[in-house]
Amino acid sequence: MVESPFDVEIRVGEVLEAEPFPEANKPKMTKLWITLGEDHGEIQSAAQLDHHYEPSELEGRRVLCATNLGSVRIAGFKSEALTVGVPDEDEFPVLVEPDRDVDVPLGGSLY
């Protein structure tokens, strides 16, 4: 088995709050506040999600987050995780998320 030069840590989070992010240079950005549960706390993420999701639709939704890539400042907002998505046919992000019919614990790590 070949080891990766770095291991990406992907955890389950729940969006606590979401709001439009018009100050960002990229269009259709959303600010997210996400909890990873008691053991891992809360994080912030800026994601280009407005093509498919209204901020109010994101609140309460479980998402997958790459949590150990470091943080960046985007228009003054500290983004601490990459919210995981895949491109649709027009290259706009679509969220990757746990099955909604199964109760997956917050902070759980992808393996």
PDB file of N, CA and C in Angstrom:
ATOM      1  N   MET A   1       0.841  -1.178   0.000  1.00  0.00           N
ATOM      2  CA  MET A   1       0.000   0.000   0.000  1.00  0.00           C
ATOM      3  C   MET A   1       0.888   1.245   0.000  1.00  0.00           C
ATOM      4  N   VAL A   2       0.629   2.161  -0.906  1.00  0.00           N
ATOM      5  CA  VAL A   2       1.403   3.400  -1.013  1.00  0.00           C
ATOM      6  C   VAL A   2       0.760   4.461  -0.131  1.00  0.00           C
ATOM      7  N   GLU A   3       1.581   5.120   0.685  1.00  0.00           N
ATOM      8  CA  GLU A   3       1.053   6.186   1.542  1.00  0.00           C
ATOM      9  C   GLU A   3       1.032   7.500   0.791  1.00  0.00           C
ATOM     10  N   SER A   4      -0.005   8.275   1.065  1.00  0.00           N
ATOM     11  CA  SER A   4      -0.150   9.594   0.478  1.00  0.00           C
ATOM     12  C   SER A   4       0.876  10.534   1.100  1.00  0.00           C
ATOM     13  N   PRO A   5       1.361  11.548   0.355  1.00  0.00           N
ATOM     14  CA  PRO A   5       2.281  12.515   0.955  1.00  0.00           C
ATOM     15  C   PRO A   5       1.619  13.314   2.079  1.00  0.00           C
ATOM     16  N   PHE A   6       0.306  13.365   2.073  1.00  0.00           N
ATOM     17  CA  PHE A   6      -0.425  13.962   3.180  1.00  0.00           C
ATOM     18  C   PHE A   6      -1.778  13.277   3.258  1.00  0.00           C
ATOM     19  N   ASP A   7      -2.302  13.203   4.449  1.00  0.00           N
ATOM     20  CA  ASP A   7      -3.602  12.579   4.643  1.00  0.00           C
ATOM     21  C   ASP A   7      -4.645  13.654   4.874  1.00  0.00           C
ATOM     22  N   VAL A   8      -5.686  13.628   4.073  1.00  0.00           N
ATOM     23  CA  VAL A   8      -6.774  14.573   4.233  1.00  0.00           C
ATOM     24  C   VAL A   8      -7.755  13.983   5.240  1.00  0.00           C
ATOM     25  N   GLU A   9      -8.090  14.759   6.233  1.00  0.00           N
ATOM     26  CA  GLU A   9      -9.044  14.348   7.258  1.00  0.00           C
ATOM     27  C   GLU A   9     -10.409  14.891   6.878  1.00  0.00           C
ATOM     28  N   ILE A  10     -11.356  14.006   6.628  1.00  0.00           N
ATOM     29  CA  ILE A  10     -12.706  14.414   6.261  1.00  0.00           C
ATOM     30  C   ILE A  10     -13.655  13.972   7.367  1.00  0.00           C
ATOM     31  N   ARG A  11     -14.384  14.952   7.912  1.00  0.00           N
ATOM     32  CA  ARG A  11     -15.279  14.697   9.041  1.00  0.00           C
ATOM     33  C   ARG A  11     -16.701  15.127   8.711  1.00  0.00           C
ATOM     34  N   VAL A  12     -17.636  14.517   9.438  1.00  0.00           N
ATOM     35  CA  VAL A  12     -19.047  14.857   9.312  1.00  0.00           C
ATOM     36  C   VAL A  12     -19.337  16.083  10.172  1.00  0.00           C
ATOM     37  N   GLY A  13     -19.998  17.058   9.580  1.00  0.00           N
ATOM     38  CA  GLY A  13     -20.412  18.246  10.312  1.00  0.00           C
ATOM     39  C   GLY A  13     -21.871  18.549  10.041  1.00  0.00           C
ATOM     40  N   GLU A  14     -22.421  19.439  10.831  1.00  0.00           N
ATOM     41  CA  GLU A  14     -23.792  19.902  10.618  1.00  0.00           C
ATOM     42  C   GLU A  14     -23.776  21.419  10.520  1.00  0.00           C
ATOM     43  N   VAL A  15     -24.395  21.926   9.482  1.00  0.00           N
ATOM     44  CA  VAL A  15     -24.429  23.369   9.264  1.00  0.00           C
ATOM     45  C   VAL A  15     -25.347  24.003  10.312  1.00  0.00           C
ATOM     46  N   LEU A  16     -24.772  24.868  11.136  1.00  0.00           N
ATOM     47  CA  LEU A  16     -25.537  25.587  12.158  1.00  0.00           C
ATOM     48  C   LEU A  16     -26.173  26.845  11.584  1.00  0.00           C
ATOM     49  N   GLU A  17     -25.400  27.509  10.735  1.00  0.00           N
ATOM     50  CA  GLU A  17     -25.839  28.783  10.165  1.00  0.00           C
ATOM     51  C   GLU A  17     -25.208  28.945   8.790  1.00  0.00           C
ATOM     52  N   ALA A  18     -25.942  29.573   7.894  1.00  0.00           N
ATOM     53  CA  ALA A  18     -25.427  29.856   6.549  1.00  0.00           C
ATOM     54  C   ALA A  18     -25.965  31.208   6.106  1.00  0.00           C
ATOM     55  N   GLU A  19     -25.115  31.958   5.405  1.00  0.00           N
ATOM     56  CA  GLU A  19     -25.564  33.248   4.877  1.00  0.00           C
ATOM     57  C   GLU A  19     -24.826  33.567   3.589  1.00  0.00           C
ATOM     58  N   PRO A  20     -25.433  34.355   2.727  1.00  0.00           N
ATOM     59  CA  PRO A  20     -24.765  34.762   1.487  1.00  0.00           C
ATOM     60  C   PRO A  20     -23.455  35.486   1.796  1.00  0.00           C
ATOM     61  N   PHE A  21     -22.528  35.432   0.862  1.00  0.00           N
ATOM     62  CA  PHE A  21     -21.203  36.022   1.041  1.00  0.00           C
ATOM     63  C   PHE A  21     -20.862  36.883  -0.180  1.00  0.00           C
ATOM     64  N   PRO A  22     -21.585  37.988  -0.364  1.00  0.00           N
ATOM     65  CA  PRO A  22     -21.375  38.812  -1.557  1.00  0.00           C
ATOM     66  C   PRO A  22     -20.012  39.509  -1.589  1.00  0.00           C
ATOM     67  N   GLU A  23     -19.340  39.639  -0.444  1.00  0.00           N
ATOM     68  CA  GLU A  23     -18.035  40.308  -0.398  1.00  0.00           C
ATOM     69  C   GLU A  23     -16.930  39.484  -1.040  1.00  0.00           C
ATOM     70  N   ALA A  24     -17.130  38.191  -1.210  1.00  0.00           N
ATOM     71  CA  ALA A  24     -16.109  37.312  -1.778  1.00  0.00           C
ATOM     72  C   ALA A  24     -15.883  37.634  -3.256  1.00  0.00           C
ATOM     73  N   ASN A  25     -14.665  37.381  -3.728  1.00  0.00           N
ATOM     74  CA  ASN A  25     -14.337  37.634  -5.127  1.00  0.00           C
ATOM     75  C   ASN A  25     -15.044  36.668  -6.072  1.00  0.00           C
ATOM     76  N   LYS A  26     -15.237  35.438  -5.631  1.00  0.00           N
ATOM     77  CA  LYS A  26     -15.929  34.455  -6.462  1.00  0.00           C
ATOM     78  C   LYS A  26     -17.431  34.646  -6.318  1.00  0.00           C
ATOM     79  N   PRO A  27     -18.163  34.443  -7.387  1.00  0.00           N
ATOM     80  CA  PRO A  27     -19.625  34.575  -7.294  1.00  0.00           C
ATOM     81  C   PRO A  27     -20.256  33.381  -6.573  1.00  0.00           C
ATOM     82  N   LYS A  28     -21.440  33.613  -6.056  1.00  0.00           N
ATOM     83  CA  LYS A  28     -22.263  32.542  -5.482  1.00  0.00           C
ATOM     84  C   LYS A  28     -21.658  31.888  -4.245  1.00  0.00           C
ATOM     85  N   MET A  29     -20.922  32.646  -3.435  1.00  0.00           N
ATOM     86  CA  MET A  29     -20.309  32.099  -2.221  1.00  0.00           C
ATOM     87  C   MET A  29     -21.286  32.167  -1.056  1.00  0.00           C
ATOM     88  N   THR A  30     -21.098  31.232  -0.121  1.00  0.00           N
ATOM     89  CA  THR A  30     -21.901  31.151   1.093  1.00  0.00           C
ATOM     90  C   THR A  30     -20.965  30.996   2.285  1.00  0.00           C
ATOM     91  N   LYS A  31     -21.244  31.713   3.371  1.00  0.00           N
ATOM     92  CA  LYS A  31     -20.536  31.524   4.632  1.00  0.00           C
ATOM     93  C   LYS A  31     -21.271  30.440   5.407  1.00  0.00           C
ATOM     94  N   LEU A  32     -20.513  29.496   5.953  1.00  0.00           N
ATOM     95  CA  LEU A  32     -21.094  28.409   6.740  1.00  0.00           C
ATOM     96  C   LEU A  32     -20.441  28.356   8.114  1.00  0.00           C
ATOM     97  N   TRP A  33     -21.247  28.134   9.126  1.00  0.00           N
ATOM     98  CA  TRP A  33     -20.778  27.837  10.468  1.00  0.00           C
ATOM     99  C   TRP A  33     -21.216  26.406  10.731  1.00  0.00           C
ATOM    100  N   ILE A  34     -20.251  25.543  11.027  1.00  0.00           N
ATOM    101  CA  ILE A  34     -20.478  24.098  11.077  1.00  0.00           C
ATOM    102  C   ILE A  34     -19.999  23.544  12.406  1.00  0.00           C
ATOM    103  N   THR A  35     -20.802  22.669  13.012  1.00  0.00           N
ATOM    104  CA  THR A  35     -20.347  21.963  14.204  1.00  0.00           C
ATOM    105  C   THR A  35     -19.875  20.573  13.804  1.00  0.00           C
ATOM    106  N   LEU A  36     -18.755  20.175  14.393  1.00  0.00           N
ATOM    107  CA  LEU A  36     -18.220  18.833  14.209  1.00  0.00           C
ATOM    108  C   LEU A  36     -18.449  17.994  15.464  1.00  0.00           C
ATOM    109  N   GLY A  37     -19.315  18.470  16.338  1.00  0.00           N
ATOM    110  CA  GLY A  37     -19.625  17.740  17.569  1.00  0.00           C
ATOM    111  C   GLY A  37     -18.757  18.184  18.728  1.00  0.00           C
ATOM    112  N   GLU A  38     -19.048  17.618  19.894  1.00  0.00           N
ATOM    113  CA  GLU A  38     -18.362  18.010  21.134  1.00  0.00           C
ATOM    114  C   GLU A  38     -16.851  17.839  21.066  1.00  0.00           C
ATOM    115  N   ASP A  39     -16.387  16.766  20.463  1.00  0.00           N
ATOM    116  CA  ASP A  39     -14.953  16.476  20.453  1.00  0.00           C
ATOM    117  C   ASP A  39     -14.145  17.377  19.516  1.00  0.00           C
ATOM    118  N   HIS A  40     -14.789  17.940  18.498  1.00  0.00           N
ATOM    119  CA  HIS A  40     -14.044  18.688  17.483  1.00  0.00           C
ATOM    120  C   HIS A  40     -14.474  20.148  17.347  1.00  0.00           C
ATOM    121  N   GLY A  41     -15.554  20.534  18.010  1.00  0.00           N
ATOM    122  CA  GLY A  41     -15.961  21.933  18.042  1.00  0.00           C
ATOM    123  C   GLY A  41     -16.593  22.466  16.767  1.00  0.00           C
ATOM    124  N   GLU A  42     -16.597  23.796  16.677  1.00  0.00           N
ATOM    125  CA  GLU A  42     -17.209  24.483  15.541  1.00  0.00           C
ATOM    126  C   GLU A  42     -16.133  25.045  14.616  1.00  0.00           C
ATOM    127  N   ILE A  43     -16.460  25.077  13.337  1.00  0.00           N
ATOM    128  CA  ILE A  43     -15.568  25.632  12.324  1.00  0.00           C
ATOM    129  C   ILE A  43     -16.380  26.521  11.388  1.00  0.00           C
ATOM    130  N   GLN A  44     -15.654  27.277  10.576  1.00  0.00           N
ATOM    131  CA  GLN A  44     -16.274  28.107   9.541  1.00  0.00           C
ATOM    132  C   GLN A  44     -15.770  27.640   8.190  1.00  0.00           C
ATOM    133  N   SER A  45     -16.613  27.786   7.181  1.00  0.00           N
ATOM    134  CA  SER A  45     -16.219  27.414   5.829  1.00  0.00           C
ATOM    135  C   SER A  45     -16.883  28.366   4.849  1.00  0.00           C
ATOM    136  N   ALA A  46     -16.149  28.755   3.826  1.00  0.00           N
ATOM    137  CA  ALA A  46     -16.715  29.531   2.723  1.00  0.00           C
ATOM    138  C   ALA A  46     -16.801  28.582   1.536  1.00  0.00           C
ATOM    139  N   ALA A  47     -17.983  28.467   0.958  1.00  0.00           N
ATOM    140  CA  ALA A  47     -18.181  27.510  -0.128  1.00  0.00           C
ATOM    141  C   ALA A  47     -18.998  28.139  -1.250  1.00  0.00           C
ATOM    142  N   GLN A  48     -18.730  27.732  -2.456  1.00  0.00           N
ATOM    143  CA  GLN A  48     -19.418  28.261  -3.629  1.00  0.00           C
ATOM    144  C   GLN A  48     -20.660  27.393  -3.878  1.00  0.00           C
ATOM    145  N   LEU A  49     -21.711  27.638  -3.100  1.00  0.00           N
ATOM    146  CA  LEU A  49     -22.881  26.754  -3.097  1.00  0.00           C
ATOM    147  C   LEU A  49     -24.166  27.383  -3.610  1.00  0.00           C
ATOM    148  N   ASP A  50     -24.188  28.686  -3.841  1.00  0.00           N
ATOM    149  CA  ASP A  50     -25.446  29.371  -4.168  1.00  0.00           C
ATOM    150  C   ASP A  50     -26.061  28.986  -5.506  1.00  0.00           C
ATOM    151  N   HIS A  51     -25.343  28.239  -6.323  1.00  0.00           N
ATOM    152  CA  HIS A  51     -25.937  27.791  -7.594  1.00  0.00           C
ATOM    153  C   HIS A  51     -27.046  26.779  -7.345  1.00  0.00           C
ATOM    154  N   HIS A  52     -26.885  25.977  -6.291  1.00  0.00           N
ATOM    155  CA  HIS A  52     -27.840  24.900  -6.023  1.00  0.00           C
ATOM    156  C   HIS A  52     -28.586  25.026  -4.696  1.00  0.00           C
ATOM    157  N   TYR A  53     -28.079  25.837  -3.768  1.00  0.00           N
ATOM    158  CA  TYR A  53     -28.633  25.854  -2.415  1.00  0.00           C
ATOM    159  C   TYR A  53     -28.877  27.273  -1.926  1.00  0.00           C
ATOM    160  N   GLU A  54     -30.021  27.489  -1.330  1.00  0.00           N
ATOM    161  CA  GLU A  54     -30.281  28.721  -0.580  1.00  0.00           C
ATOM    162  C   GLU A  54     -29.659  28.537   0.801  1.00  0.00           C
ATOM    163  N   PRO A  55     -29.100  29.595   1.389  1.00  0.00           N
ATOM    164  CA  PRO A  55     -28.513  29.445   2.720  1.00  0.00           C
ATOM    165  C   PRO A  55     -29.467  28.796   3.732  1.00  0.00           C
ATOM    166  N   SER A  56     -30.726  29.164   3.714  1.00  0.00           N
ATOM    167  CA  SER A  56     -31.679  28.599   4.683  1.00  0.00           C
ATOM    168  C   SER A  56     -31.857  27.090   4.494  1.00  0.00           C
ATOM    169  N   GLU A  57     -31.650  26.576   3.274  1.00  0.00           N
ATOM    170  CA  GLU A  57     -31.759  25.138   3.010  1.00  0.00           C
ATOM    171  C   GLU A  57     -30.563  24.362   3.571  1.00  0.00           C
ATOM    172  N   LEU A  58     -29.471  25.053   3.796  1.00  0.00           N
ATOM    173  CA  LEU A  58     -28.260  24.393   4.278  1.00  0.00           C
ATOM    174  C   LEU A  58     -28.259  24.193   5.786  1.00  0.00           C
ATOM    175  N   GLU A  59     -28.959  25.052   6.499  1.00  0.00           N
ATOM    176  CA  GLU A  59     -28.970  24.965   7.959  1.00  0.00           C
ATOM    177  C   GLU A  59     -29.614  23.659   8.405  1.00  0.00           C
ATOM    178  N   GLY A  60     -28.893  22.921   9.276  1.00  0.00           N
ATOM    179  CA  GLY A  60     -29.355  21.633   9.759  1.00  0.00           C
ATOM    180  C   GLY A  60     -28.894  20.460   8.903  1.00  0.00           C
ATOM    181  N   ARG A  61     -28.294  20.736   7.778  1.00  0.00           N
ATOM    182  CA  ARG A  61     -27.854  19.692   6.855  1.00  0.00           C
ATOM    183  C   ARG A  61     -26.497  19.138   7.288  1.00  0.00           C
ATOM    184  N   ARG A  62     -26.331  17.844   7.165  1.00  0.00           N
ATOM    185  CA  ARG A  62     -25.037  17.205   7.446  1.00  0.00           C
ATOM    186  C   ARG A  62     -24.189  17.279   6.180  1.00  0.00           C
ATOM    187  N   VAL A  63     -22.923  17.625   6.345  1.00  0.00           N
ATOM    188  CA  VAL A  63     -21.997  17.773   5.234  1.00  0.00           C
ATOM    189  C   VAL A  63     -20.674  17.107   5.588  1.00  0.00           C
ATOM    190  N   LEU A  64     -19.856  16.886   4.584  1.00  0.00           N
ATOM    191  CA  LEU A  64     -18.504  16.385   4.799  1.00  0.00           C
ATOM    192  C   LEU A  64     -17.539  17.540   4.636  1.00  0.00           C
ATOM    193  N   CYS A  65     -16.548  17.613   5.540  1.00  0.00           N
ATOM    194  CA  CYS A  65     -15.595  18.720   5.547  1.00  0.00           C
ATOM    195  C   CYS A  65     -14.172  18.196   5.645  1.00  0.00           C
ATOM    196  N   ALA A  66     -13.289  18.691   4.778  1.00  0.00           N
ATOM    197  CA  ALA A  66     -11.859  18.441   4.915  1.00  0.00           C
ATOM    198  C   ALA A  66     -11.362  19.432   5.958  1.00  0.00           C
ATOM    199  N   THR A  67     -10.918  18.913   7.098  1.00  0.00           N
ATOM    200  CA  THR A  67     -10.670  19.771   8.258  1.00  0.00           C
ATOM    201  C   THR A  67      -9.205  20.043   8.575  1.00  0.00           C
ATOM    202  N   ASN A  68      -8.280  19.404   7.890  1.00  0.00           N
ATOM    203  CA  ASN A  68      -6.869  19.592   8.254  1.00  0.00           C
ATOM    204  C   ASN A  68      -6.036  20.183   7.120  1.00  0.00           C
ATOM    205  N   LEU A  69      -6.651  21.031   6.327  1.00  0.00           N
ATOM    206  CA  LEU A  69      -5.930  21.654   5.211  1.00  0.00           C
ATOM    207  C   LEU A  69      -5.420  23.048   5.558  1.00  0.00           C
ATOM    208  N   GLY A  70      -5.673  23.492   6.772  1.00  0.00           N
ATOM    209  CA  GLY A  70      -5.296  24.844   7.163  1.00  0.00           C
ATOM    210  C   GLY A  70      -6.458  25.788   6.940  1.00  0.00           C
ATOM    211  N   SER A  71      -6.237  27.050   7.195  1.00  0.00           N
ATOM    212  CA  SER A  71      -7.302  28.033   7.028  1.00  0.00           C
ATOM    213  C   SER A  71      -6.847  29.136   6.077  1.00  0.00           C
ATOM    214  N   VAL A  72      -7.830  29.810   5.492  1.00  0.00           N
ATOM    215  CA  VAL A  72      -7.570  30.949   4.613  1.00  0.00           C
ATOM    216  C   VAL A  72      -8.554  32.055   4.965  1.00  0.00           C
ATOM    217  N   ARG A  73      -8.170  33.282   4.677  1.00  0.00           N
ATOM    218  CA  ARG A  73      -9.078  34.415   4.847  1.00  0.00           C
ATOM    219  C   ARG A  73      -9.619  34.796   3.480  1.00  0.00           C
ATOM    220  N   ILE A  74     -10.928  34.859   3.392  1.00  0.00           N
ATOM    221  CA  ILE A  74     -11.592  35.259   2.161  1.00  0.00           C
ATOM    222  C   ILE A  74     -12.443  36.468   2.499  1.00  0.00           C
ATOM    223  N   ALA A  75     -12.062  37.624   1.982  1.00  0.00           N
ATOM    224  CA  ALA A  75     -12.771  38.879   2.249  1.00  0.00           C
ATOM    225  C   ALA A  75     -13.024  39.068   3.744  1.00  0.00           C
ATOM    226  N   GLY A  76     -11.983  38.785   4.555  1.00  0.00           N
ATOM    227  CA  GLY A  76     -12.073  38.980   5.996  1.00  0.00           C
ATOM    228  C   GLY A  76     -12.701  37.831   6.770  1.00  0.00           C
ATOM    229  N   PHE A  77     -13.208  36.816   6.092  1.00  0.00           N
ATOM    230  CA  PHE A  77     -13.856  35.667   6.737  1.00  0.00           C
ATOM    231  C   PHE A  77     -12.857  34.521   6.799  1.00  0.00           C
ATOM    232  N   LYS A  78     -12.673  33.950   7.991  1.00  0.00           N
ATOM    233  CA  LYS A  78     -11.734  32.842   8.163  1.00  0.00           C
ATOM    234  C   LYS A  78     -12.421  31.527   7.798  1.00  0.00           C
ATOM    235  N   SER A  79     -11.963  30.914   6.709  1.00  0.00           N
ATOM    236  CA  SER A  79     -12.489  29.620   6.279  1.00  0.00           C
ATOM    237  C   SER A  79     -11.521  28.551   6.764  1.00  0.00           C
ATOM    238  N   GLU A  80     -12.011  27.677   7.653  1.00  0.00           N
ATOM    239  CA  GLU A  80     -11.158  26.692   8.322  1.00  0.00           C
ATOM    240  C   GLU A  80     -11.294  25.283   7.762  1.00  0.00           C
ATOM    241  N   ALA A  81     -12.193  25.080   6.827  1.00  0.00           N
ATOM    242  CA  ALA A  81     -12.409  23.748   6.269  1.00  0.00           C
ATOM    243  C   ALA A  81     -12.916  23.874   4.843  1.00  0.00           C
ATOM    244  N   LEU A  82     -12.695  22.826   4.081  1.00  0.00           N
ATOM    245  CA  LEU A  82     -13.225  22.732   2.731  1.00  0.00           C
ATOM    246  C   LEU A  82     -14.475  21.867   2.800  1.00  0.00           C
ATOM    247  N   THR A  83     -15.615  22.436   2.460  1.00  0.00           N
ATOM    248  CA  THR A  83     -16.852  21.668   2.416  1.00  0.00           C
ATOM    249  C   THR A  83     -16.826  20.858   1.120  1.00  0.00           C
ATOM    250  N   VAL A  84     -16.971  19.547   1.227  1.00  0.00           N
ATOM    251  CA  VAL A  84     -16.739  18.639   0.113  1.00  0.00           C
ATOM    252  C   VAL A  84     -17.923  18.608  -0.849  1.00  0.00           C
ATOM    253  N   GLY A  85     -17.605  18.763  -2.122  1.00  0.00           N
ATOM    254  CA  GLY A  85     -18.609  18.699  -3.168  1.00  0.00           C
ATOM    255  C   GLY A  85     -18.022  18.107  -4.433  1.00  0.00           C
ATOM    256  N   VAL A  86     -18.887  17.837  -5.380  1.00  0.00           N
ATOM    257  CA  VAL A  86     -18.480  17.354  -6.698  1.00  0.00           C
ATOM    258  C   VAL A  86     -19.125  18.253  -7.748  1.00  0.00           C
ATOM    259  N   PRO A  87     -18.535  18.392  -8.929  1.00  0.00           N
ATOM    260  CA  PRO A  87     -19.105  19.284  -9.931  1.00  0.00           C
ATOM    261  C   PRO A  87     -20.312  18.671 -10.647  1.00  0.00           C
ATOM    262  N   ASP A  88     -21.291  19.532 -10.929  1.00  0.00           N
ATOM    263  CA  ASP A  88     -22.395  19.098 -11.781  1.00  0.00           C
ATOM    264  C   ASP A  88     -21.949  19.249 -13.232  1.00  0.00           C
ATOM    265  N   GLU A  89     -22.849  19.063 -14.180  1.00  0.00           N
ATOM    266  CA  GLU A  89     -22.474  19.133 -15.596  1.00  0.00           C
ATOM    267  C   GLU A  89     -21.998  20.512 -16.032  1.00  0.00           C
ATOM    268  N   ASP A  90     -22.344  21.551 -15.254  1.00  0.00           N
ATOM    269  CA  ASP A  90     -21.886  22.908 -15.556  1.00  0.00           C
ATOM    270  C   ASP A  90     -20.716  23.329 -14.680  1.00  0.00           C
ATOM    271  N   GLU A  91     -20.142  22.374 -13.934  1.00  0.00           N
ATOM    272  CA  GLU A  91     -18.991  22.606 -13.054  1.00  0.00           C
ATOM    273  C   GLU A  91     -19.325  23.365 -11.773  1.00  0.00           C
ATOM    274  N   PHE A  92     -20.600  23.397 -11.371  1.00  0.00           N
ATOM    275  CA  PHE A  92     -20.974  24.026 -10.104  1.00  0.00           C
ATOM    276  C   PHE A  92     -21.008  22.962  -9.003  1.00  0.00           C
ATOM    277  N   PRO A  93     -20.532  23.300  -7.796  1.00  0.00           N
ATOM    278  CA  PRO A  93     -20.446  22.312  -6.725  1.00  0.00           C
ATOM    279  C   PRO A  93     -21.809  21.797  -6.249  1.00  0.00           C
ATOM    280  N   VAL A  94     -21.849  20.483  -6.032  1.00  0.00           N
ATOM    281  CA  VAL A  94     -22.977  19.789  -5.430  1.00  0.00           C
ATOM    282  C   VAL A  94     -22.420  19.105  -4.187  1.00  0.00           C
ATOM    283  N   LEU A  95     -23.052  19.302  -3.041  1.00  0.00           N
ATOM    284  CA  LEU A  95     -22.552  18.753  -1.785  1.00  0.00           C
ATOM    285  C   LEU A  95     -22.481  17.232  -1.787  1.00  0.00           C
ATOM    286  N   VAL A  96     -21.440  16.731  -1.133  1.00  0.00           N
ATOM    287  CA  VAL A  96     -21.334  15.316  -0.804  1.00  0.00           C
ATOM    288  C   VAL A  96     -21.734  15.229   0.662  1.00  0.00           C
ATOM    289  N   GLU A  97     -22.683  14.360   0.966  1.00  0.00           N
ATOM    290  CA  GLU A  97     -23.185  14.307   2.337  1.00  0.00           C
ATOM    291  C   GLU A  97     -23.530  12.883   2.732  1.00  0.00           C
ATOM    292  N   PRO A  98     -23.579  12.617   4.050  1.00  0.00           N
ATOM    293  CA  PRO A  98     -23.978  11.285   4.515  1.00  0.00           C
ATOM    294  C   PRO A  98     -25.436  11.007   4.153  1.00  0.00           C
ATOM    295  N   ASP A  99     -25.780   9.744   4.090  1.00  0.00           N
ATOM    296  CA  ASP A  99     -27.151   9.319   3.837  1.00  0.00           C
ATOM    297  C   ASP A  99     -28.064   9.939   4.892  1.00  0.00           C
ATOM    298  N   ARG A 100     -29.117  10.592   4.449  1.00  0.00           N
ATOM    299  CA  ARG A 100     -30.024  11.277   5.379  1.00  0.00           C
ATOM    300  C   ARG A 100     -30.863  10.308   6.214  1.00  0.00           C
ATOM    301  N   ASP A 101     -30.948   9.049   5.786  1.00  0.00           N
ATOM    302  CA  ASP A 101     -31.753   8.071   6.506  1.00  0.00           C
ATOM    303  C   ASP A 101     -30.989   7.353   7.615  1.00  0.00           C
ATOM    304  N   VAL A 102     -29.708   7.657   7.741  1.00  0.00           N
ATOM    305  CA  VAL A 102     -28.869   7.010   8.754  1.00  0.00           C
ATOM    306  C   VAL A 102     -28.313   8.093   9.672  1.00  0.00           C
ATOM    307  N   ASP A 103     -28.385   7.879  10.979  1.00  0.00           N
ATOM    308  CA  ASP A 103     -27.873   8.846  11.941  1.00  0.00           C
ATOM    309  C   ASP A 103     -26.362   8.670  12.068  1.00  0.00           C
ATOM    310  N   VAL A 104     -25.625   9.566  11.453  1.00  0.00           N
ATOM    311  CA  VAL A 104     -24.163   9.524  11.473  1.00  0.00           C
ATOM    312  C   VAL A 104     -23.686  10.521  12.511  1.00  0.00           C
ATOM    313  N   PRO A 105     -22.825  10.106  13.454  1.00  0.00           N
ATOM    314  CA  PRO A 105     -22.380  11.022  14.501  1.00  0.00           C
ATOM    315  C   PRO A 105     -21.532  12.176  13.962  1.00  0.00           C
ATOM    316  N   LEU A 106     -21.741  13.350  14.536  1.00  0.00           N
ATOM    317  CA  LEU A 106     -20.943  14.516  14.173  1.00  0.00           C
ATOM    318  C   LEU A 106     -19.479  14.260  14.528  1.00  0.00           C
ATOM    319  N   GLY A 107     -18.596  14.728  13.656  1.00  0.00           N
ATOM    320  CA  GLY A 107     -17.168  14.560  13.877  1.00  0.00           C
ATOM    321  C   GLY A 107     -16.646  13.241  13.363  1.00  0.00           C
ATOM    322  N   GLY A 108     -17.535  12.331  12.948  1.00  0.00           N
ATOM    323  CA  GLY A 108     -17.096  11.047  12.423  1.00  0.00           C
ATOM    324  C   GLY A 108     -16.176  11.245  11.234  1.00  0.00           C
ATOM    325  N   SER A 109     -15.156  10.404  11.142  1.00  0.00           N
ATOM    326  CA  SER A 109     -14.144  10.545  10.114  1.00  0.00           C
ATOM    327  C   SER A 109     -14.411   9.583   8.954  1.00  0.00           C
ATOM    328  N   LEU A 110     -14.234  10.076   7.740  1.00  0.00           N
ATOM    329  CA  LEU A 110     -14.364   9.247   6.539  1.00  0.00           C
ATOM    330  C   LEU A 110     -13.222   8.243   6.511  1.00  0.00           C
ATOM    331  N   TYR A 111     -13.559   7.010   6.185  1.00  0.00           N
ATOM    332  CA  TYR A 111     -12.506   5.986   6.014  1.00  0.00           C
ATOM    333  C   TYR A 111     -12.824   5.113   4.840  1.00  0.00           C
TER     334      TYR A 111
END
